[in-house]
Amino acid sequence: MQTRTIPSTLEPLPVIGCGTYRTFDVGAGRAHRAPLVAVLQILFAAGGSVIDTSPMYGAAERVVGDLLAQANSRSHAFLATKVWTSGEQAAREQMNHSFELLHDRRIDLIQVHNLIDWKSHLPALRDLKGMGRIRYVGVTHYSASSYPELEAVLRSETLDFVQINYAMNDTGAQQRILPLAADRGIAVLVNQPFGGGGLLRTLLGRPLPPWAQEIDCQSWAQILLKFVLGDPAVTCVIPGTGRPEHMTDNVGAGFGRFPDAALRARMIESL
């Protein structure tokens, strides 16, 4: 799988990861978790590493931590979670619980989820980074209506990562957020690359366009992921899935050619 560098350290990061919202919020039974074991195996076998979760996602943190521990595969994962609460003490307690659920004293990335109480949380995250408990600090959002606040935070704070929504039918981030992240040396994780799922469902019944061959795409999912990765400011895209066949399809977008700006414009016009 292709990689892109994290600007603050120049560490290479594989371009396709896995989100866990809803899909990893499952029980402890083998029937529930067996497909997720396969999802992670497929991700790692393809060269991927990023797993993004959150306390907001129900049991997802616990499930991710359990699966990585049981498979002894923590070393393969770039593990990202979030702080999602208000107040300094509540945040520290929540982050300590995340360490416990993920079975690790060190997490690669903790992000302030949807900018909630970011002024309190960023100093705490920097403290953890200074102690070696986390490697990177970031912020997230999923709504274009919050871009003005997000832009202000990116300009005023020193951050390693930002996570945002971006898709072929949701291109607001490319106007200001992506260029700003590039200018500020901030790595970008992209959520909702399938337009919240609705865009992909709409496209599945249509034949692949001829230009799909120009970017080595075998499916609409790969087209949507490669559209996102066509912007060089994007470091990694994290489509959520709990189905092994979908993970197999998704990781395929990490190989081959990506669309340039001209083709991305044609892709948008084709919707």
Protein backbone atom coordinates (compact mmCIF):
# COMPACT_ATOMS: atom_id res chain seq x y z
CA MET A 1 0.00 0.00 0.00
CA GLN A 2 1.16 3.52 -0.72
CA THR A 3 2.11 5.77 2.18
CA ARG A 4 2.21 9.50 2.86
CA THR A 5 4.29 11.24 5.47
CA ILE A 6 3.04 12.82 8.68
CA PRO A 7 4.44 16.35 8.31
CA SER A 8 5.43 16.85 11.95
CA THR A 9 7.71 13.80 12.02
CA LEU A 10 8.00 12.57 8.40
CA GLU A 11 6.80 9.16 9.58
CA PRO A 12 5.16 7.26 6.68
CA LEU A 13 1.50 6.35 7.13
CA PRO A 14 -0.45 3.95 4.87
CA VAL A 15 -3.17 5.78 2.95
CA ILE A 16 -6.11 3.44 3.74
CA GLY A 17 -7.23 2.78 7.30
CA CYS A 18 -10.37 1.60 9.07
CA GLY A 19 -13.01 3.55 10.97
CA THR A 20 -14.98 1.83 13.75
CA TYR A 21 -18.11 3.97 14.16
CA ARG A 22 -21.08 1.60 14.51
CA THR A 23 -19.25 -1.27 12.80
CA PHE A 24 -17.12 -2.24 15.84
CA ASP A 25 -19.83 -1.56 18.42
CA VAL A 26 -20.59 -5.25 18.94
CA GLY A 27 -20.86 -7.76 21.75
CA ALA A 28 -18.27 -10.19 23.03
CA GLY A 29 -19.59 -13.24 21.22
CA ARG A 30 -17.48 -14.96 18.60
CA ALA A 31 -20.18 -14.56 15.95
CA HIS A 32 -20.08 -10.80 16.41
CA ARG A 33 -16.32 -10.44 16.48
CA ALA A 34 -15.13 -13.02 13.92
CA PRO A 35 -15.82 -10.74 10.92
CA LEU A 36 -13.92 -7.92 12.65
CA VAL A 37 -10.93 -10.18 13.20
CA ALA A 38 -10.91 -10.75 9.45
CA VAL A 39 -11.30 -7.02 8.74
CA LEU A 40 -8.15 -6.22 10.71
CA GLN A 41 -6.24 -9.13 9.20
CA ILE A 42 -7.07 -7.86 5.70
CA LEU A 43 -6.07 -4.31 6.61
CA PHE A 44 -2.70 -5.39 8.00
CA ALA A 45 -2.00 -7.89 5.21
CA ALA A 46 -2.46 -5.10 2.64
CA GLY A 47 0.00 -2.87 4.49
CA GLY A 48 -2.58 -0.67 6.23
CA SER A 49 -2.30 0.32 9.88
CA VAL A 50 -4.65 3.15 10.93
CA ILE A 51 -7.58 2.18 13.15
CA ASP A 52 -9.71 5.12 14.28
CA THR A 53 -12.10 4.82 17.23
CA SER A 54 -13.66 6.89 20.02
CA PRO A 55 -15.38 6.63 23.41
CA MET A 56 -18.43 7.89 21.49
CA TYR A 57 -18.57 4.66 19.50
CA GLY A 58 -20.11 2.40 22.12
CA ALA A 59 -18.04 -0.76 22.64
CA ALA A 60 -15.67 -0.02 19.74
CA GLU A 61 -12.62 0.89 21.85
CA ARG A 62 -12.95 -2.27 23.92
CA VAL A 63 -13.46 -4.42 20.83
CA VAL A 64 -10.44 -2.95 19.05
CA GLY A 65 -8.27 -3.39 22.12
CA ASP A 66 -9.42 -6.97 22.68
CA LEU A 67 -8.90 -7.99 19.05
CA LEU A 68 -5.42 -6.49 18.84
CA ALA A 69 -4.40 -8.11 22.12
CA GLN A 70 -5.81 -11.52 21.22
CA ALA A 71 -4.07 -11.52 17.83
CA ASN A 72 -0.87 -10.03 19.26
CA SER A 73 -1.08 -7.50 16.42
CA ARG A 74 -0.77 -4.18 18.26
CA SER A 75 2.58 -3.56 16.57
CA HIS A 76 0.84 -3.52 13.18
CA ALA A 77 -1.65 -0.82 14.18
CA PHE A 78 -1.51 2.96 14.19
CA LEU A 79 -4.12 3.40 16.88
CA ALA A 80 -6.17 6.61 17.01
CA THR A 81 -8.90 7.46 19.48
CA LYS A 82 -10.50 10.63 20.83
CA VAL A 83 -11.45 12.55 23.94
CA TRP A 84 -15.17 13.30 23.96
CA THR A 85 -16.27 15.08 27.11
CA SER A 86 -16.13 18.45 28.87
CA GLY A 87 -13.88 19.47 31.74
CA GLU A 88 -10.25 18.68 32.49
CA GLN A 89 -10.86 16.01 35.14
CA ALA A 90 -13.51 14.22 33.11
CA ALA A 91 -11.20 14.25 30.10
CA ARG A 92 -8.28 12.74 32.02
CA GLU A 93 -10.54 10.01 33.41
CA GLN A 94 -11.92 9.25 29.98
CA MET A 95 -8.48 9.06 28.40
CA ASN A 96 -7.22 6.78 31.19
CA HIS A 97 -10.20 4.52 30.48
CA SER A 98 -9.27 4.52 26.79
CA PHE A 99 -5.77 3.31 27.66
CA GLU A 100 -7.33 0.49 29.68
CA LEU A 101 -9.81 -0.52 26.97
CA LEU A 102 -7.13 -0.47 24.28
CA HIS A 103 -4.76 -2.53 26.46
CA ASP A 104 -1.84 -0.20 25.96
CA ARG A 105 0.08 2.43 27.90
CA ARG A 106 0.78 4.30 24.67
CA ILE A 107 -1.66 5.40 21.98
CA ASP A 108 -0.47 6.74 18.65
CA LEU A 109 -3.00 9.57 18.32
CA ILE A 110 -5.63 11.14 20.55
CA GLN A 111 -7.91 13.73 18.96
CA VAL A 112 -10.34 16.24 20.47
CA HIS A 113 -13.62 14.87 19.15
CA ASN A 114 -15.65 17.49 17.28
CA LEU A 115 -13.68 20.27 19.02
CA ILE A 116 -15.58 19.70 22.27
CA ASP A 117 -13.88 21.76 25.01
CA TRP A 118 -10.70 21.87 22.95
CA LYS A 119 -9.18 24.71 24.94
CA SER A 120 -9.10 22.47 28.03
CA HIS A 121 -8.16 19.25 26.26
CA LEU A 122 -5.24 20.31 24.08
CA PRO A 123 -2.99 21.17 27.07
CA ALA A 124 -3.81 17.78 28.64
CA LEU A 125 -2.99 16.02 25.38
CA ARG A 126 0.31 17.86 25.13
CA ASP A 127 1.12 16.75 28.68
CA LEU A 128 0.48 13.13 27.69
CA LYS A 129 2.62 13.59 24.60
CA GLY A 130 5.43 14.99 26.71
CA MET A 131 5.22 11.94 28.98
CA GLY A 132 5.39 9.60 26.00
CA ARG A 133 1.86 8.27 26.55
CA ILE A 134 0.69 9.49 23.11
CA ARG A 135 2.66 10.18 19.97
CA TYR A 136 0.43 12.70 18.19
CA VAL A 137 -2.24 15.29 19.02
CA GLY A 138 -5.18 16.20 16.80
CA VAL A 139 -8.71 17.57 16.46
CA THR A 140 -11.71 16.34 14.50
CA HIS A 141 -14.99 17.40 12.99
CA TYR A 142 -17.51 15.96 10.57
CA SER A 143 -19.62 18.99 9.66
CA ALA A 144 -18.89 21.78 7.19
CA SER A 145 -20.86 24.18 9.39
CA SER A 146 -18.03 23.95 11.94
CA TYR A 147 -15.24 24.71 9.46
CA PRO A 148 -14.85 28.37 10.57
CA GLU A 149 -14.10 27.28 14.14
CA LEU A 150 -11.93 24.42 12.91
CA GLU A 151 -9.99 26.79 10.68
CA ALA A 152 -9.36 29.13 13.62
CA VAL A 153 -8.04 26.23 15.72
CA LEU A 154 -5.75 25.04 12.94
CA ARG A 155 -4.33 28.56 12.63
CA SER A 156 -3.82 29.17 16.34
CA GLU A 157 -2.68 25.78 17.65
CA THR A 158 0.25 23.47 16.93
CA LEU A 159 -1.30 20.15 15.89
CA ASP A 160 -0.12 16.93 14.32
CA PHE A 161 -3.45 15.81 12.84
CA VAL A 162 -6.86 17.03 11.79
CA GLN A 163 -9.72 14.69 10.90
CA ILE A 164 -12.51 15.96 8.64
CA ASN A 165 -15.33 14.86 6.35
CA TYR A 166 -14.56 14.90 2.63
CA ALA A 167 -16.17 13.06 -0.28
CA MET A 168 -16.95 13.38 -3.95
CA ASN A 169 -20.33 14.93 -3.05
CA ASP A 170 -19.02 16.80 0.00
CA THR A 171 -16.04 18.86 -1.13
CA GLY A 172 -16.19 21.83 1.23
CA ALA A 173 -12.94 20.84 2.94
CA GLN A 174 -10.94 21.30 -0.24
CA GLN A 175 -11.64 25.04 -0.32
CA ARG A 176 -9.90 26.09 2.91
CA ILE A 177 -9.26 23.24 5.37
CA LEU A 178 -7.08 21.03 3.19
CA PRO A 179 -4.88 23.88 1.92
CA LEU A 180 -4.58 25.26 5.44
CA ALA A 181 -3.56 21.86 6.82
CA ALA A 182 -0.91 21.59 4.11
CA ASP A 183 0.38 25.08 4.88
CA ARG A 184 0.48 24.37 8.63
CA GLY A 185 2.15 20.97 8.28
CA ILE A 186 -0.81 19.03 9.69
CA ALA A 187 -1.62 15.48 8.63
CA VAL A 188 -5.19 14.88 7.45
CA LEU A 189 -7.43 11.91 8.22
CA VAL A 190 -10.64 11.82 6.18
CA ASN A 191 -13.89 10.39 7.50
CA GLN A 192 -17.16 9.83 5.60
CA PRO A 193 -15.45 9.30 2.20
CA PHE A 194 -18.59 7.56 0.96
CA GLY A 195 -20.75 10.59 1.67
CA GLY A 196 -22.08 9.02 4.84
CA GLY A 197 -22.79 5.84 2.86
CA GLY A 198 -25.59 7.33 0.81
CA LEU A 199 -23.43 8.27 -2.15
CA LEU A 200 -21.93 4.80 -2.46
CA ARG A 201 -25.35 3.15 -2.29
CA THR A 202 -26.56 5.43 -5.08
CA LEU A 203 -23.62 4.61 -7.33
CA LEU A 204 -23.51 0.85 -6.87
CA GLY A 205 -26.15 0.23 -9.53
CA ARG A 206 -24.25 2.20 -12.18
CA PRO A 207 -21.54 0.78 -14.45
CA LEU A 208 -18.02 2.01 -13.81
CA PRO A 209 -17.10 4.96 -16.03
CA PRO A 210 -14.32 4.51 -18.61
CA TRP A 211 -11.96 6.75 -16.66
CA ALA A 212 -11.97 4.27 -13.77
CA GLN A 213 -9.24 2.39 -15.64
CA GLU A 214 -7.08 5.52 -15.64
CA ILE A 215 -6.78 5.29 -11.86
CA ASP A 216 -6.77 1.49 -11.53
CA CYS A 217 -10.21 1.23 -9.92
CA GLN A 218 -12.25 -1.96 -9.87
CA SER A 219 -15.25 -0.66 -7.91
CA TRP A 220 -17.19 2.46 -6.96
CA ALA A 221 -15.82 2.26 -3.42
CA GLN A 222 -12.29 2.48 -4.80
CA ILE A 223 -13.29 5.41 -7.01
CA LEU A 224 -14.64 7.34 -4.03
CA LEU A 225 -11.58 6.60 -1.91
CA LYS A 226 -9.17 7.51 -4.69
CA PHE A 227 -11.02 10.77 -5.26
CA VAL A 228 -10.21 11.71 -1.66
CA LEU A 229 -6.61 10.55 -1.97
CA GLY A 230 -6.23 12.55 -5.17
CA ASP A 231 -5.73 15.61 -2.99
CA PRO A 232 -2.09 15.51 -1.84
CA ALA A 233 -3.01 17.19 1.46
CA VAL A 234 -4.87 14.02 2.53
CA THR A 235 -2.68 11.65 4.51
CA CYS A 236 -5.06 8.73 5.13
CA VAL A 237 -8.73 7.94 4.57
CA ILE A 238 -10.59 5.84 7.15
CA PRO A 239 -13.77 4.26 5.72
CA GLY A 240 -15.69 2.39 8.38
CA THR A 241 -16.58 -1.24 7.82
CA GLY A 242 -17.21 -4.43 9.71
CA ARG A 243 -17.36 -6.65 6.63
CA PRO A 244 -14.25 -8.43 5.36
CA GLU A 245 -15.30 -8.22 1.71
CA HIS A 246 -15.66 -4.45 2.01
CA MET A 247 -12.26 -4.15 3.67
CA THR A 248 -10.74 -6.13 0.81
CA ASP A 249 -12.31 -3.70 -1.64
CA ASN A 250 -11.29 -0.63 0.34
CA VAL A 251 -7.61 -1.51 0.69
CA GLY A 252 -7.42 -1.88 -3.09
CA ALA A 253 -7.71 1.90 -3.32
CA GLY A 254 -4.32 2.21 -1.67
CA PHE A 255 -2.58 0.83 -4.74
CA GLY A 256 -2.05 2.17 -8.25
CA ARG A 257 -2.68 5.65 -9.61
CA PHE A 258 -4.64 8.51 -8.03
CA PRO A 259 -6.62 11.15 -9.96
CA ASP A 260 -5.13 14.55 -10.64
CA ALA A 261 -7.09 17.79 -10.20
CA ALA A 262 -8.51 17.69 -13.74
CA LEU A 263 -9.82 14.16 -13.35
CA ARG A 264 -11.24 14.92 -9.91
CA ALA A 265 -13.26 17.72 -11.49
CA ARG A 266 -14.59 15.29 -14.11
CA MET A 267 -15.43 12.82 -11.36
CA ILE A 268 -17.57 15.40 -9.57
CA GLU A 269 -19.33 16.28 -12.83
CA SER A 270 -20.20 12.62 -13.36
CA LEU A 271 -22.42 12.46 -10.26
